Amino acid sequence: MNEQELRKRLEMLRSEHRDLDAAIAALSVAGDGGGFVDQLQIARLKKRKLQLKDRIAIIEDTLLPDIIA
């Protein structure tokens, strides 16, 4: 992938990460009554969010390599 494709992919991943954040918040508020299904779904969304965070970090490292001082 070239730099432009990486930047586009990075923005898509960040957008999905924000969307998951909103979905988790909405489920947390809606699930205050309790419920195993909601907790399971929230756990899955959080796991997906962490995977996205890892992918975002990899792309950011590719685009902005460490500079040794």
C-alpha atoms as a PDB file:
ATOM      1  CA  MET A   1       0.000   0.000   0.000  1.00  0.00           C
ATOM      2  CA  ASN A   2       1.171   3.489  -0.733  1.00  0.00           C
ATOM      3  CA  GLU A   3       0.989   6.370   1.721  1.00  0.00           C
ATOM      4  CA  GLN A   4      -2.307   7.702   0.381  1.00  0.00           C
ATOM      5  CA  GLU A   5      -3.980   4.283   0.710  1.00  0.00           C
ATOM      6  CA  LEU A   6      -2.603   3.907   4.239  1.00  0.00           C
ATOM      7  CA  ARG A   7      -3.964   7.316   5.241  1.00  0.00           C
ATOM      8  CA  LYS A   8      -7.389   6.449   3.814  1.00  0.00           C
ATOM      9  CA  ARG A   9      -7.382   3.107   5.644  1.00  0.00           C
ATOM     10  CA  LEU A  10      -6.280   4.857   8.842  1.00  0.00           C
ATOM     11  CA  GLU A  11      -9.210   7.281   8.639  1.00  0.00           C
ATOM     12  CA  MET A  12     -11.654   4.418   8.031  1.00  0.00           C
ATOM     13  CA  LEU A  13     -10.326   2.532  11.052  1.00  0.00           C
ATOM     14  CA  ARG A  14     -10.511   5.645  13.243  1.00  0.00           C
ATOM     15  CA  SER A  15     -14.092   6.208  12.131  1.00  0.00           C
ATOM     16  CA  GLU A  16     -15.045   2.621  12.937  1.00  0.00           C
ATOM     17  CA  HIS A  17     -13.298   2.958  16.315  1.00  0.00           C
ATOM     18  CA  ARG A  18     -15.381   6.072  17.129  1.00  0.00           C
ATOM     19  CA  ASP A  19     -18.559   4.319  15.978  1.00  0.00           C
ATOM     20  CA  LEU A  20     -17.826   1.380  18.265  1.00  0.00           C
ATOM     21  CA  ASP A  21     -17.243   3.792  21.122  1.00  0.00           C
ATOM     22  CA  ALA A  22     -20.683   5.290  20.556  1.00  0.00           C
ATOM     23  CA  ALA A  23     -22.299   1.855  20.259  1.00  0.00           C
ATOM     24  CA  ILE A  24     -20.695   0.671  23.500  1.00  0.00           C
ATOM     25  CA  ALA A  25     -21.873   3.809  25.298  1.00  0.00           C
ATOM     26  CA  ALA A  26     -25.417   3.383  23.969  1.00  0.00           C
ATOM     27  CA  LEU A  27     -25.550  -0.277  24.992  1.00  0.00           C
ATOM     28  CA  SER A  28     -24.182   0.547  28.419  1.00  0.00           C
ATOM     29  CA  VAL A  29     -26.937   3.090  28.994  1.00  0.00           C
ATOM     30  CA  ALA A  30     -29.654   0.847  27.535  1.00  0.00           C
ATOM     31  CA  GLY A  31     -28.372  -2.178  29.413  1.00  0.00           C
ATOM     32  CA  ASP A  32     -28.552  -0.646  32.873  1.00  0.00           C
ATOM     33  CA  GLY A  33     -31.436  -3.013  33.564  1.00  0.00           C
ATOM     34  CA  GLY A  34     -28.928  -5.830  33.327  1.00  0.00           C
ATOM     35  CA  GLY A  35     -28.808  -8.679  30.914  1.00  0.00           C
ATOM     36  CA  PHE A  36     -26.284 -11.257  29.900  1.00  0.00           C
ATOM     37  CA  VAL A  37     -26.767 -10.703  26.184  1.00  0.00           C
ATOM     38  CA  ASP A  38     -25.997  -6.988  26.429  1.00  0.00           C
ATOM     39  CA  GLN A  39     -22.849  -7.674  28.459  1.00  0.00           C
ATOM     40  CA  LEU A  40     -21.700 -10.275  25.945  1.00  0.00           C
ATOM     41  CA  GLN A  41     -22.309  -7.904  23.062  1.00  0.00           C
ATOM     42  CA  ILE A  42     -20.487  -5.083  24.861  1.00  0.00           C
ATOM     43  CA  ALA A  43     -17.524  -7.399  25.489  1.00  0.00           C
ATOM     44  CA  ARG A  44     -17.390  -8.327  21.798  1.00  0.00           C
ATOM     45  CA  LEU A  45     -17.534  -4.681  20.749  1.00  0.00           C
ATOM     46  CA  LYS A  46     -14.740  -3.793  23.183  1.00  0.00           C
ATOM     47  CA  LYS A  47     -12.610  -6.624  21.805  1.00  0.00           C
ATOM     48  CA  ARG A  48     -13.193  -5.378  18.255  1.00  0.00           C
ATOM     49  CA  LYS A  49     -12.329  -1.849  19.396  1.00  0.00           C
ATOM     50  CA  LEU A  50      -9.000  -3.071  20.803  1.00  0.00           C
ATOM     51  CA  GLN A  51      -8.231  -4.863  17.533  1.00  0.00           C
ATOM     52  CA  LEU A  52      -8.899  -1.647  15.653  1.00  0.00           C
ATOM     53  CA  LYS A  53      -6.659   0.280  18.040  1.00  0.00           C
ATOM     54  CA  ASP A  54      -3.825  -2.160  17.314  1.00  0.00           C
ATOM     55  CA  ARG A  55      -4.311  -1.806  13.546  1.00  0.00           C
ATOM     56  CA  ILE A  56      -4.399   1.977  13.875  1.00  0.00           C
ATOM     57  CA  ALA A  57      -1.124   1.914  15.816  1.00  0.00           C
ATOM     58  CA  ILE A  58       0.538  -0.269  13.164  1.00  0.00           C
ATOM     59  CA  ILE A  59      -0.489   2.071  10.348  1.00  0.00           C
ATOM     60  CA  GLU A  60       0.555   5.151  12.339  1.00  0.00           C
ATOM     61  CA  ASP A  61       3.957   3.568  12.976  1.00  0.00           C
ATOM     62  CA  THR A  62       4.304   2.870   9.261  1.00  0.00           C
ATOM     63  CA  LEU A  63       3.390   6.430   8.333  1.00  0.00           C
ATOM     64  CA  LEU A  64       5.390   8.074  11.134  1.00  0.00           C
ATOM     65  CA  PRO A  65       8.505   5.987  11.753  1.00  0.00           C
ATOM     66  CA  ASP A  66      10.472   6.562  14.949  1.00  0.00           C
ATOM     67  CA  ILE A  67      13.329   8.991  14.631  1.00  0.00           C
ATOM     68  CA  ILE A  68      16.398   8.059  16.619  1.00  0.00           C
ATOM     69  CA  ALA A  69      17.719  11.179  18.309  1.00  0.00           C
END
